[in-house]
Amino acid sequence: MTTMPLSKGITAGLRKALENDPKVLLIGEDVGKLGGVFRVTEGLQKDFGDHRVIDSPLAEAGIVGTSIGMAVRGYKPVIEIQFDAFIYPAYSQIVTQLAKLHNRTRGAEKMPVVIRVPFGGGIGSPEHHSESPETVFAHHAGLKIISPSNAHDAYWMIQEAIASPDPVMFFEPKRRYWLKGEVDRANRGLDGWHAQVVSPGTDVTLVAYGPTMPQAQDAVAAAREEGTSVELIDLRSLNPIDFATIEASVKKTGRLVVLHEGAVFLGLGSEIAARITERCFYHLEAPVIRVGGFHTPYPGSKLEENYLPDLDRVLHGVDRALAY
């Protein structure tokens, strides 16, 4: 076991992938000499050379387009988008090309491209640096989307993403980059495409992922002190979603609360609520409750703590579910 921050779990996973496969390349703005804005790729260009850890121009569409071409030629590019909202200039390349080429070519072209996206708020950044665009991309078939919430998952899930023959968007909870945890490099455990029951419970199911997991864990502890048993599930894979694990939990508890940073309106919780209502209608004791951000542009840093769901809002969601 090794203790490290979540960000360094990603670094270690990238290093392992670069060592194991000469076809793996890193590309992005300032990923080389600087080591990335958050220093996730720090030291990798020094050790693997600028032909494998490539500093690109400031052009997200060009980065993704170039990476698609590299994938066609047999390489496995790993892209870094500096901040979440910087991804939109590359939106067309991602959803009209990257997501569709495997299907368009009847399986002849694999697209082993990974797009790393630091996402979410809570770090005091200006506009366009603190958004949660995961639902926008989850809507498009052909893209896998995963998000680790701890250092162990970060280490293993980035390697799984790189090994996938399909394009994977790897959403990194940037405000949790410095959250330390143990990494077992010898034992992967549950693969990254499945949800994980973090804390078993009997009264209500709470589903969260990525940046909201610490609030969810705090809510479990606070609810326990009040005599409420909360089963906590770390979603981990956002597309595909492991509905079987959620369904099994809800059939036991009868109640479900879904937590995410992005806006509740048409957020990932909307799809989870709809699917679980269809599958567990006769087991539900209450409507599915969603807790998340507001349907407004992300505010300035002085107001972001009012926008982001905190412990009180999560506990209020649990109370609403139990009130029925």
C-alpha atoms as a PDB file:
ATOM      1  CA  MET A   1       0.000   0.000   0.000  1.00  0.00           C
ATOM      2  CA  THR A   2       1.165   3.528  -0.850  1.00  0.00           C
ATOM      3  CA  THR A   3      -0.475   6.729   0.383  1.00  0.00           C
ATOM      4  CA  MET A   4      -0.755   9.500  -2.208  1.00  0.00           C
ATOM      5  CA  PRO A   5      -3.091  12.296  -3.367  1.00  0.00           C
ATOM      6  CA  LEU A   6      -5.691  11.485  -6.001  1.00  0.00           C
ATOM      7  CA  SER A   7      -3.771  13.547  -8.564  1.00  0.00           C
ATOM      8  CA  LYS A   8      -0.620  11.519  -8.033  1.00  0.00           C
ATOM      9  CA  GLY A   9      -2.650   8.337  -8.353  1.00  0.00           C
ATOM     10  CA  ILE A  10      -3.425   9.476 -11.899  1.00  0.00           C
ATOM     11  CA  THR A  11       0.246  10.365 -12.446  1.00  0.00           C
ATOM     12  CA  ALA A  12       1.349   6.911 -11.311  1.00  0.00           C
ATOM     13  CA  GLY A  13      -1.266   5.269 -13.531  1.00  0.00           C
ATOM     14  CA  LEU A  14      -0.136   7.285 -16.548  1.00  0.00           C
ATOM     15  CA  ARG A  15       3.481   6.390 -15.848  1.00  0.00           C
ATOM     16  CA  LYS A  16       2.593   2.698 -15.675  1.00  0.00           C
ATOM     17  CA  ALA A  17       0.708   2.885 -18.983  1.00  0.00           C
ATOM     18  CA  LEU A  18       3.618   4.687 -20.681  1.00  0.00           C
ATOM     19  CA  GLU A  19       6.031   2.044 -19.401  1.00  0.00           C
ATOM     20  CA  ASN A  20       3.870  -0.874 -20.503  1.00  0.00           C
ATOM     21  CA  ASP A  21       2.902   0.272 -23.999  1.00  0.00           C
ATOM     22  CA  PRO A  22       5.099   2.357 -26.363  1.00  0.00           C
ATOM     23  CA  LYS A  23       1.960   3.294 -28.329  1.00  0.00           C
ATOM     24  CA  VAL A  24       0.618   5.364 -25.412  1.00  0.00           C
ATOM     25  CA  LEU A  25       1.146   9.122 -25.903  1.00  0.00           C
ATOM     26  CA  LEU A  26       0.168  12.121 -23.778  1.00  0.00           C
ATOM     27  CA  ILE A  27      -0.882  15.316 -25.518  1.00  0.00           C
ATOM     28  CA  GLY A  28      -2.265  18.627 -24.301  1.00  0.00           C
ATOM     29  CA  GLU A  29      -1.594  22.233 -23.399  1.00  0.00           C
ATOM     30  CA  ASP A  30       1.409  22.478 -21.043  1.00  0.00           C
ATOM     31  CA  VAL A  31       1.400  18.757 -20.194  1.00  0.00           C
ATOM     32  CA  GLY A  32       5.109  18.400 -20.912  1.00  0.00           C
ATOM     33  CA  LYS A  33       7.639  20.843 -19.520  1.00  0.00           C
ATOM     34  CA  LEU A  34       5.187  22.376 -17.012  1.00  0.00           C
ATOM     35  CA  GLY A  35       3.577  19.063 -16.060  1.00  0.00           C
ATOM     36  CA  GLY A  36       0.038  20.368 -16.543  1.00  0.00           C
ATOM     37  CA  VAL A  37      -1.822  23.112 -14.695  1.00  0.00           C
ATOM     38  CA  PHE A  38      -2.405  20.741 -11.767  1.00  0.00           C
ATOM     39  CA  ARG A  39       0.982  18.992 -12.208  1.00  0.00           C
ATOM     40  CA  VAL A  40      -0.688  15.665 -12.963  1.00  0.00           C
ATOM     41  CA  THR A  41       1.806  14.930 -15.782  1.00  0.00           C
ATOM     42  CA  GLU A  42       4.790  16.326 -13.866  1.00  0.00           C
ATOM     43  CA  GLY A  43       8.072  14.581 -14.686  1.00  0.00           C
ATOM     44  CA  LEU A  44       6.655  12.410 -17.461  1.00  0.00           C
ATOM     45  CA  GLN A  45       8.136  14.342 -20.397  1.00  0.00           C
ATOM     46  CA  LYS A  46      11.537  14.277 -18.695  1.00  0.00           C
ATOM     47  CA  ASP A  47      11.364  10.479 -18.353  1.00  0.00           C
ATOM     48  CA  PHE A  48       9.649   9.538 -21.638  1.00  0.00           C
ATOM     49  CA  GLY A  49      10.652  12.338 -24.020  1.00  0.00           C
ATOM     50  CA  ASP A  50       8.792  15.059 -25.896  1.00  0.00           C
ATOM     51  CA  HIS A  51       7.826  12.615 -28.647  1.00  0.00           C
ATOM     52  CA  ARG A  52       5.561  10.787 -26.177  1.00  0.00           C
ATOM     53  CA  VAL A  53       4.522  13.628 -23.834  1.00  0.00           C
ATOM     54  CA  ILE A  54       3.616  16.356 -26.286  1.00  0.00           C
ATOM     55  CA  ASP A  55       2.968  20.044 -25.589  1.00  0.00           C
ATOM     56  CA  SER A  56       0.251  21.126 -28.011  1.00  0.00           C
ATOM     57  CA  PRO A  57      -0.937  24.504 -29.267  1.00  0.00           C
ATOM     58  CA  LEU A  58      -3.880  26.132 -27.476  1.00  0.00           C
ATOM     59  CA  ALA A  59      -6.446  24.473 -29.733  1.00  0.00           C
ATOM     60  CA  GLU A  60      -8.745  21.857 -28.217  1.00  0.00           C
ATOM     61  CA  ALA A  61     -10.397  20.936 -31.523  1.00  0.00           C
ATOM     62  CA  GLY A  62      -6.963  20.454 -33.057  1.00  0.00           C
ATOM     63  CA  ILE A  63      -5.793  18.312 -30.131  1.00  0.00           C
ATOM     64  CA  VAL A  64      -8.776  15.964 -30.422  1.00  0.00           C
ATOM     65  CA  GLY A  65      -8.646  15.864 -34.224  1.00  0.00           C
ATOM     66  CA  THR A  66      -4.931  15.064 -34.185  1.00  0.00           C
ATOM     67  CA  SER A  67      -5.512  12.358 -31.590  1.00  0.00           C
ATOM     68  CA  ILE A  68      -8.198  10.739 -33.742  1.00  0.00           C
ATOM     69  CA  GLY A  69      -5.661  10.554 -36.566  1.00  0.00           C
ATOM     70  CA  MET A  70      -3.078   9.050 -34.227  1.00  0.00           C
ATOM     71  CA  ALA A  71      -5.573   6.430 -33.084  1.00  0.00           C
ATOM     72  CA  VAL A  72      -6.238   5.460 -36.700  1.00  0.00           C
ATOM     73  CA  ARG A  73      -2.480   4.923 -37.059  1.00  0.00           C
ATOM     74  CA  GLY A  74      -2.395   2.571 -34.052  1.00  0.00           C
ATOM     75  CA  TYR A  75      -1.446   4.909 -31.231  1.00  0.00           C
ATOM     76  CA  LYS A  76      -3.252   5.388 -27.911  1.00  0.00           C
ATOM     77  CA  PRO A  77      -3.356   9.124 -27.249  1.00  0.00           C
ATOM     78  CA  VAL A  78      -4.296  10.462 -23.818  1.00  0.00           C
ATOM     79  CA  ILE A  79      -5.527  14.043 -24.078  1.00  0.00           C
ATOM     80  CA  GLU A  80      -5.578  16.584 -21.261  1.00  0.00           C
ATOM     81  CA  ILE A  81      -8.175  19.356 -21.395  1.00  0.00           C
ATOM     82  CA  GLN A  82      -6.897  21.987 -18.958  1.00  0.00           C
ATOM     83  CA  PHE A  83     -10.296  22.905 -17.520  1.00  0.00           C
ATOM     84  CA  ASP A  84     -13.799  21.497 -17.949  1.00  0.00           C
ATOM     85  CA  ALA A  85     -15.387  24.326 -19.964  1.00  0.00           C
ATOM     86  CA  PHE A  86     -12.380  24.516 -22.294  1.00  0.00           C
ATOM     87  CA  ILE A  87     -13.672  21.322 -23.891  1.00  0.00           C
ATOM     88  CA  TYR A  88     -16.457  22.947 -25.889  1.00  0.00           C
ATOM     89  CA  PRO A  89     -14.292  24.063 -28.843  1.00  0.00           C
ATOM     90  CA  ALA A  90     -13.639  20.332 -29.350  1.00  0.00           C
ATOM     91  CA  TYR A  91     -17.294  19.330 -28.971  1.00  0.00           C
ATOM     92  CA  SER A  92     -17.861  18.643 -32.664  1.00  0.00           C
ATOM     93  CA  GLN A  93     -14.717  16.528 -32.985  1.00  0.00           C
ATOM     94  CA  ILE A  94     -15.718  14.493 -29.923  1.00  0.00           C
ATOM     95  CA  VAL A  95     -19.386  13.817 -30.663  1.00  0.00           C
ATOM     96  CA  THR A  96     -19.441  13.718 -34.472  1.00  0.00           C
ATOM     97  CA  GLN A  97     -16.121  11.965 -35.073  1.00  0.00           C
ATOM     98  CA  LEU A  98     -14.564  10.315 -32.017  1.00  0.00           C
ATOM     99  CA  ALA A  99     -17.812   8.876 -30.663  1.00  0.00           C
ATOM    100  CA  LYS A 100     -19.024   7.586 -34.029  1.00  0.00           C
ATOM    101  CA  LEU A 101     -16.062   6.271 -36.020  1.00  0.00           C
ATOM    102  CA  HIS A 102     -16.213   2.740 -34.604  1.00  0.00           C
ATOM    103  CA  ASN A 103     -19.884   2.465 -35.535  1.00  0.00           C
ATOM    104  CA  ARG A 104     -19.487   4.290 -38.839  1.00  0.00           C
ATOM    105  CA  THR A 105     -16.779   1.869 -39.977  1.00  0.00           C
ATOM    106  CA  ARG A 106     -18.720  -1.219 -38.789  1.00  0.00           C
ATOM    107  CA  GLY A 107     -16.058  -1.910 -36.218  1.00  0.00           C
ATOM    108  CA  ALA A 108     -13.071  -1.617 -38.541  1.00  0.00           C
ATOM    109  CA  GLU A 109     -11.624   1.437 -36.749  1.00  0.00           C
ATOM    110  CA  LYS A 110     -10.966   1.289 -33.030  1.00  0.00           C
ATOM    111  CA  MET A 111     -10.748   4.608 -31.180  1.00  0.00           C
ATOM    112  CA  PRO A 112      -8.513   4.075 -28.111  1.00  0.00           C
ATOM    113  CA  VAL A 113      -8.494   7.768 -27.167  1.00  0.00           C
ATOM    114  CA  VAL A 114      -8.716   8.982 -23.563  1.00  0.00           C
ATOM    115  CA  ILE A 115      -9.787  12.547 -22.783  1.00  0.00           C
ATOM    116  CA  ARG A 116      -8.830  13.677 -19.287  1.00  0.00           C
ATOM    117  CA  VAL A 117     -11.138  16.410 -18.008  1.00  0.00           C
ATOM    118  CA  PRO A 118     -10.542  18.149 -14.648  1.00  0.00           C
ATOM    119  CA  PHE A 119     -14.114  19.085 -13.716  1.00  0.00           C
ATOM    120  CA  GLY A 120     -16.277  20.656 -11.025  1.00  0.00           C
ATOM    121  CA  GLY A 121     -15.938  23.648  -8.758  1.00  0.00           C
ATOM    122  CA  GLY A 122     -14.674  24.468  -5.316  1.00  0.00           C
ATOM    123  CA  ILE A 123     -11.201  25.829  -6.125  1.00  0.00           C
ATOM    124  CA  GLY A 124     -11.994  29.548  -6.417  1.00  0.00           C
ATOM    125  CA  SER A 125     -11.468  29.810 -10.168  1.00  0.00           C
ATOM    126  CA  PRO A 126     -12.978  32.358 -12.582  1.00  0.00           C
ATOM    127  CA  GLU A 127     -15.611  31.716 -15.243  1.00  0.00           C
ATOM    128  CA  HIS A 128     -15.183  28.652 -17.510  1.00  0.00           C
ATOM    129  CA  HIS A 129     -12.999  26.850 -14.962  1.00  0.00           C
ATOM    130  CA  SER A 130     -15.553  25.186 -12.664  1.00  0.00           C
ATOM    131  CA  GLU A 131     -18.252  23.422 -14.660  1.00  0.00           C
ATOM    132  CA  SER A 132     -19.702  19.913 -14.739  1.00  0.00           C
ATOM    133  CA  PRO A 133     -20.228  18.936 -18.401  1.00  0.00           C
ATOM    134  CA  GLU A 134     -20.348  15.162 -17.883  1.00  0.00           C
ATOM    135  CA  THR A 135     -24.071  14.894 -18.680  1.00  0.00           C
ATOM    136  CA  VAL A 136     -23.567  16.684 -22.005  1.00  0.00           C
ATOM    137  CA  PHE A 137     -21.244  13.894 -23.154  1.00  0.00           C
ATOM    138  CA  ALA A 138     -23.067  11.024 -21.450  1.00  0.00           C
ATOM    139  CA  HIS A 139     -25.948  11.750 -23.831  1.00  0.00           C
ATOM    140  CA  HIS A 140     -23.838  10.661 -26.814  1.00  0.00           C
ATOM    141  CA  ALA A 141     -23.556   6.950 -27.525  1.00  0.00           C
ATOM    142  CA  GLY A 142     -20.024   5.794 -28.284  1.00  0.00           C
ATOM    143  CA  LEU A 143     -18.304   7.521 -25.379  1.00  0.00           C
ATOM    144  CA  LYS A 144     -17.464   5.791 -22.118  1.00  0.00           C
ATOM    145  CA  ILE A 145     -17.308   8.120 -19.120  1.00  0.00           C
ATOM    146  CA  ILE A 146     -15.714   7.336 -15.762  1.00  0.00           C
ATOM    147  CA  SER A 147     -14.830   9.421 -12.720  1.00  0.00           C
ATOM    148  CA  PRO A 148     -12.662   8.298  -9.782  1.00  0.00           C
ATOM    149  CA  SER A 149     -13.253   9.637  -6.285  1.00  0.00           C
ATOM    150  CA  ASN A 150     -10.096   8.374  -4.566  1.00  0.00           C
ATOM    151  CA  ALA A 151      -6.419   7.734  -5.255  1.00  0.00           C
ATOM    152  CA  HIS A 152      -6.740   3.948  -5.607  1.00  0.00           C
ATOM    153  CA  ASP A 153      -9.454   4.213  -8.248  1.00  0.00           C
ATOM    154  CA  ALA A 154      -7.560   7.031  -9.984  1.00  0.00           C
ATOM    155  CA  TYR A 155      -4.476   4.828 -10.350  1.00  0.00           C
ATOM    156  CA  TRP A 156      -6.336   1.835 -11.746  1.00  0.00           C
ATOM    157  CA  MET A 157      -9.145   3.498 -13.692  1.00  0.00           C
ATOM    158  CA  ILE A 158      -6.832   5.654 -15.824  1.00  0.00           C
ATOM    159  CA  GLN A 159      -5.023   2.469 -16.866  1.00  0.00           C
ATOM    160  CA  GLU A 160      -8.321   0.765 -17.662  1.00  0.00           C
ATOM    161  CA  ALA A 161      -9.377   3.775 -19.721  1.00  0.00           C
ATOM    162  CA  ILE A 162      -6.139   3.665 -21.738  1.00  0.00           C
ATOM    163  CA  ALA A 163      -6.510  -0.084 -22.301  1.00  0.00           C
ATOM    164  CA  SER A 164     -10.051   0.324 -23.658  1.00  0.00           C
ATOM    165  CA  PRO A 165     -10.463   0.085 -27.454  1.00  0.00           C
ATOM    166  CA  ASP A 166     -13.280   2.657 -27.184  1.00  0.00           C
ATOM    167  CA  PRO A 167     -12.984   6.390 -26.497  1.00  0.00           C
ATOM    168  CA  VAL A 168     -13.115   7.153 -22.776  1.00  0.00           C
ATOM    169  CA  MET A 169     -13.715  10.505 -21.103  1.00  0.00           C
ATOM    170  CA  PHE A 170     -11.946  10.497 -17.750  1.00  0.00           C
ATOM    171  CA  PHE A 171     -13.521  13.131 -15.500  1.00  0.00           C
ATOM    172  CA  GLU A 172     -11.171  14.119 -12.678  1.00  0.00           C
ATOM    173  CA  PRO A 173     -12.650  15.874  -9.597  1.00  0.00           C
ATOM    174  CA  LYS A 174     -10.226  18.762  -9.482  1.00  0.00           C
ATOM    175  CA  ARG A 175     -11.068  19.950  -5.975  1.00  0.00           C
ATOM    176  CA  ARG A 176     -10.231  16.438  -4.731  1.00  0.00           C
ATOM    177  CA  TYR A 177      -6.818  16.307  -6.430  1.00  0.00           C
ATOM    178  CA  TRP A 178      -5.096  16.732  -3.048  1.00  0.00           C
ATOM    179  CA  LEU A 179      -7.279  14.209  -1.191  1.00  0.00           C
ATOM    180  CA  LYS A 180      -4.919  11.504   0.043  1.00  0.00           C
ATOM    181  CA  GLY A 181      -5.678   7.802   0.124  1.00  0.00           C
ATOM    182  CA  GLU A 182      -4.085   4.395  -0.020  1.00  0.00           C
ATOM    183  CA  VAL A 183      -3.263   2.834  -3.389  1.00  0.00           C
ATOM    184  CA  ASP A 184      -2.835  -0.921  -3.659  1.00  0.00           C
ATOM    185  CA  ARG A 185      -0.770  -1.407  -6.810  1.00  0.00           C
ATOM    186  CA  ALA A 186      -0.988  -5.195  -6.509  1.00  0.00           C
ATOM    187  CA  ASN A 187      -4.765  -5.533  -6.219  1.00  0.00           C
ATOM    188  CA  ARG A 188      -7.115  -3.654  -8.487  1.00  0.00           C
ATOM    189  CA  GLY A 189     -10.365  -4.774  -6.822  1.00  0.00           C
ATOM    190  CA  LEU A 190     -13.633  -3.859  -8.557  1.00  0.00           C
ATOM    191  CA  ASP A 191     -13.155  -2.700 -12.155  1.00  0.00           C
ATOM    192  CA  GLY A 192     -13.947   0.879 -13.070  1.00  0.00           C
ATOM    193  CA  TRP A 193     -17.057   0.124 -15.115  1.00  0.00           C
ATOM    194  CA  HIS A 194     -19.088  -0.912 -12.056  1.00  0.00           C
ATOM    195  CA  ALA A 195     -20.550   1.040  -9.164  1.00  0.00           C
ATOM    196  CA  GLN A 196     -19.220   0.272  -5.698  1.00  0.00           C
ATOM    197  CA  VAL A 197     -21.151  -0.028  -2.449  1.00  0.00           C
ATOM    198  CA  VAL A 198     -18.945   2.049  -0.145  1.00  0.00           C
ATOM    199  CA  SER A 199     -21.093   1.831   3.008  1.00  0.00           C
ATOM    200  CA  PRO A 200     -23.948  -0.677   3.448  1.00  0.00           C
ATOM    201  CA  GLY A 201     -27.242   0.583   4.865  1.00  0.00           C
ATOM    202  CA  THR A 202     -30.919  -0.238   5.178  1.00  0.00           C
ATOM    203  CA  ASP A 203     -33.012   2.969   5.243  1.00  0.00           C
ATOM    204  CA  VAL A 204     -32.070   4.962   2.131  1.00  0.00           C
ATOM    205  CA  THR A 205     -29.667   4.630  -0.809  1.00  0.00           C
ATOM    206  CA  LEU A 206     -27.373   7.565  -1.598  1.00  0.00           C
ATOM    207  CA  VAL A 207     -25.634   7.595  -5.006  1.00  0.00           C
ATOM    208  CA  ALA A 208     -22.725   9.978  -5.654  1.00  0.00           C
ATOM    209  CA  TYR A 209     -19.528  10.139  -7.702  1.00  0.00           C
ATOM    210  CA  GLY A 210     -16.288  12.055  -8.151  1.00  0.00           C
ATOM    211  CA  PRO A 211     -16.180  15.397  -6.311  1.00  0.00           C
ATOM    212  CA  THR A 212     -19.278  14.821  -4.150  1.00  0.00           C
ATOM    213  CA  MET A 213     -18.124  11.610  -2.481  1.00  0.00           C
ATOM    214  CA  PRO A 214     -16.636  13.338   0.610  1.00  0.00           C
ATOM    215  CA  GLN A 215     -19.959  15.148   1.257  1.00  0.00           C
ATOM    216  CA  ALA A 216     -21.785  11.857   0.744  1.00  0.00           C
ATOM    217  CA  GLN A 217     -19.526  10.093   3.262  1.00  0.00           C
ATOM    218  CA  ASP A 218     -20.028  12.917   5.754  1.00  0.00           C
ATOM    219  CA  ALA A 219     -23.784  12.601   5.251  1.00  0.00           C
ATOM    220  CA  VAL A 220     -23.652   8.867   5.967  1.00  0.00           C
ATOM    221  CA  ALA A 221     -21.827   9.533   9.240  1.00  0.00           C
ATOM    222  CA  ALA A 222     -24.145  12.387  10.256  1.00  0.00           C
ATOM    223  CA  ALA A 223     -27.271  10.370   9.452  1.00  0.00           C
ATOM    224  CA  ARG A 224     -25.915   7.434  11.467  1.00  0.00           C
ATOM    225  CA  GLU A 225     -25.708   9.667  14.549  1.00  0.00           C
ATOM    226  CA  GLU A 226     -29.427  10.414  14.088  1.00  0.00           C
ATOM    227  CA  GLY A 227     -30.288   6.724  13.788  1.00  0.00           C
ATOM    228  CA  THR A 228     -30.598   6.597   9.984  1.00  0.00           C
ATOM    229  CA  SER A 229     -28.788   3.884   8.029  1.00  0.00           C
ATOM    230  CA  VAL A 230     -27.651   5.156   4.612  1.00  0.00           C
ATOM    231  CA  GLU A 231     -26.270   2.853   1.928  1.00  0.00           C
ATOM    232  CA  LEU A 232     -23.675   4.814  -0.075  1.00  0.00           C
ATOM    233  CA  ILE A 233     -22.839   3.917  -3.675  1.00  0.00           C
ATOM    234  CA  ASP A 234     -19.932   5.420  -5.616  1.00  0.00           C
ATOM    235  CA  LEU A 235     -21.200   5.417  -9.210  1.00  0.00           C
ATOM    236  CA  ARG A 236     -17.690   5.562 -10.778  1.00  0.00           C
ATOM    237  CA  SER A 237     -18.895   4.832 -14.350  1.00  0.00           C
ATOM    238  CA  LEU A 238     -21.199   7.549 -15.688  1.00  0.00           C
ATOM    239  CA  ASN A 239     -21.703   5.930 -19.083  1.00  0.00           C
ATOM    240  CA  PRO A 240     -22.526   3.105 -19.001  1.00  0.00           C
ATOM    241  CA  ILE A 241     -24.253   3.362 -15.614  1.00  0.00           C
ATOM    242  CA  ASP A 242     -24.315   0.279 -13.419  1.00  0.00           C
ATOM    243  CA  PHE A 243     -28.061   0.310 -12.806  1.00  0.00           C
ATOM    244  CA  ALA A 244     -28.026  -3.265 -11.480  1.00  0.00           C
ATOM    245  CA  THR A 245     -26.090  -2.241  -8.346  1.00  0.00           C
ATOM    246  CA  ILE A 246     -28.372   0.754  -7.726  1.00  0.00           C
ATOM    247  CA  GLU A 247     -31.485  -1.339  -8.353  1.00  0.00           C
ATOM    248  CA  ALA A 248     -30.400  -4.040  -5.893  1.00  0.00           C
ATOM    249  CA  SER A 249     -29.798  -1.400  -3.223  1.00  0.00           C
ATOM    250  CA  VAL A 250     -33.105   0.417  -3.787  1.00  0.00           C
ATOM    251  CA  LYS A 251     -35.058  -2.838  -3.606  1.00  0.00           C
ATOM    252  CA  LYS A 252     -33.557  -3.206  -0.129  1.00  0.00           C
ATOM    253  CA  THR A 253     -33.919   0.374   1.149  1.00  0.00           C
ATOM    254  CA  GLY A 254     -36.988   1.595  -0.765  1.00  0.00           C
ATOM    255  CA  ARG A 255     -35.564   5.093  -1.095  1.00  0.00           C
ATOM    256  CA  LEU A 256     -32.986   6.788  -3.328  1.00  0.00           C
ATOM    257  CA  VAL A 257     -31.138  10.117  -3.213  1.00  0.00           C
ATOM    258  CA  VAL A 258     -28.801  11.036  -6.099  1.00  0.00           C
ATOM    259  CA  LEU A 259     -26.066  13.617  -5.553  1.00  0.00           C
ATOM    260  CA  HIS A 260     -23.932  15.486  -8.105  1.00  0.00           C
ATOM    261  CA  GLU A 261     -22.341  18.926  -8.519  1.00  0.00           C
ATOM    262  CA  GLY A 262     -23.920  19.675 -11.890  1.00  0.00           C
ATOM    263  CA  ALA A 263     -27.353  21.261 -12.168  1.00  0.00           C
ATOM    264  CA  VAL A 264     -30.262  19.080 -11.087  1.00  0.00           C
ATOM    265  CA  PHE A 265     -32.180  20.094 -14.230  1.00  0.00           C
ATOM    266  CA  LEU A 266     -31.441  17.378 -16.827  1.00  0.00           C
ATOM    267  CA  GLY A 267     -28.447  16.242 -14.765  1.00  0.00           C
ATOM    268  CA  LEU A 268     -27.244  12.662 -14.469  1.00  0.00           C
ATOM    269  CA  GLY A 269     -29.643  12.221 -11.557  1.00  0.00           C
ATOM    270  CA  SER A 270     -32.586  12.713 -13.935  1.00  0.00           C
ATOM    271  CA  GLU A 271     -31.722   9.586 -15.919  1.00  0.00           C
ATOM    272  CA  ILE A 272     -31.011   7.587 -12.777  1.00  0.00           C
ATOM    273  CA  ALA A 273     -34.327   8.689 -11.259  1.00  0.00           C
ATOM    274  CA  ALA A 274     -36.247   7.747 -14.408  1.00  0.00           C
ATOM    275  CA  ARG A 275     -34.612   4.319 -14.802  1.00  0.00           C
ATOM    276  CA  ILE A 276     -34.928   3.375 -11.133  1.00  0.00           C
ATOM    277  CA  THR A 277     -38.559   4.516 -11.059  1.00  0.00           C
ATOM    278  CA  GLU A 278     -39.251   2.232 -14.022  1.00  0.00           C
ATOM    279  CA  ARG A 279     -37.365  -0.742 -12.569  1.00  0.00           C
ATOM    280  CA  CYS A 280     -38.227  -0.382  -8.872  1.00  0.00           C
ATOM    281  CA  PHE A 281     -41.673   1.238  -8.915  1.00  0.00           C
ATOM    282  CA  TYR A 282     -43.263  -1.274  -6.552  1.00  0.00           C
ATOM    283  CA  HIS A 283     -40.283  -1.173  -4.184  1.00  0.00           C
ATOM    284  CA  LEU A 284     -40.047   2.606  -3.817  1.00  0.00           C
ATOM    285  CA  GLU A 285     -41.451   4.131  -0.637  1.00  0.00           C
ATOM    286  CA  ALA A 286     -40.755   7.680  -1.857  1.00  0.00           C
ATOM    287  CA  PRO A 287     -39.952   9.508  -5.107  1.00  0.00           C
ATOM    288  CA  VAL A 288     -36.296   9.613  -6.089  1.00  0.00           C
ATOM    289  CA  ILE A 289     -34.709  12.783  -4.665  1.00  0.00           C
ATOM    290  CA  ARG A 290     -32.034  14.686  -6.594  1.00  0.00           C
ATOM    291  CA  VAL A 291     -29.495  16.976  -4.915  1.00  0.00           C
ATOM    292  CA  GLY A 292     -27.152  19.090  -7.016  1.00  0.00           C
ATOM    293  CA  GLY A 293     -26.259  22.482  -8.385  1.00  0.00           C
ATOM    294  CA  PHE A 294     -28.756  25.113  -9.480  1.00  0.00           C
ATOM    295  CA  HIS A 295     -29.881  25.677 -13.083  1.00  0.00           C
ATOM    296  CA  THR A 296     -27.864  28.883 -13.403  1.00  0.00           C
ATOM    297  CA  PRO A 297     -24.503  29.784 -14.891  1.00  0.00           C
ATOM    298  CA  TYR A 298     -21.749  28.801 -12.483  1.00  0.00           C
ATOM    299  CA  PRO A 299     -21.255  31.775 -10.126  1.00  0.00           C
ATOM    300  CA  GLY A 300     -18.127  33.702  -9.220  1.00  0.00           C
ATOM    301  CA  SER A 301     -15.832  32.212  -6.622  1.00  0.00           C
ATOM    302  CA  LYS A 302     -17.347  34.218  -3.749  1.00  0.00           C
ATOM    303  CA  LEU A 303     -20.692  32.506  -4.291  1.00  0.00           C
ATOM    304  CA  GLU A 304     -19.672  29.012  -5.389  1.00  0.00           C
ATOM    305  CA  GLU A 305     -20.086  27.470  -1.939  1.00  0.00           C
ATOM    306  CA  ASN A 306     -23.742  28.540  -2.127  1.00  0.00           C
ATOM    307  CA  TYR A 307     -24.063  26.845  -5.499  1.00  0.00           C
ATOM    308  CA  LEU A 308     -22.345  23.558  -4.665  1.00  0.00           C
ATOM    309  CA  PRO A 309     -24.351  20.966  -2.716  1.00  0.00           C
ATOM    310  CA  ASP A 310     -23.059  20.824   0.858  1.00  0.00           C
ATOM    311  CA  LEU A 311     -23.666  18.502   3.795  1.00  0.00           C
ATOM    312  CA  ASP A 312     -26.868  20.282   4.844  1.00  0.00           C
ATOM    313  CA  ARG A 313     -28.392  19.958   1.368  1.00  0.00           C
ATOM    314  CA  VAL A 314     -27.506  16.265   1.206  1.00  0.00           C
ATOM    315  CA  LEU A 315     -29.017  15.604   4.633  1.00  0.00           C
ATOM    316  CA  HIS A 316     -32.102  17.586   3.638  1.00  0.00           C
ATOM    317  CA  GLY A 317     -32.437  15.304   0.617  1.00  0.00           C
ATOM    318  CA  VAL A 318     -32.210  12.255   2.865  1.00  0.00           C
ATOM    319  CA  ASP A 319     -34.834  13.741   5.187  1.00  0.00           C
ATOM    320  CA  ARG A 320     -37.152  14.443   2.252  1.00  0.00           C
ATOM    321  CA  ALA A 321     -36.892  10.819   1.136  1.00  0.00           C
ATOM    322  CA  LEU A 322     -37.606   9.556   4.662  1.00  0.00           C
ATOM    323  CA  ALA A 323     -40.575  11.943   5.132  1.00  0.00           C
ATOM    324  CA  TYR A 324     -42.832   9.910   2.832  1.00  0.00           C
END
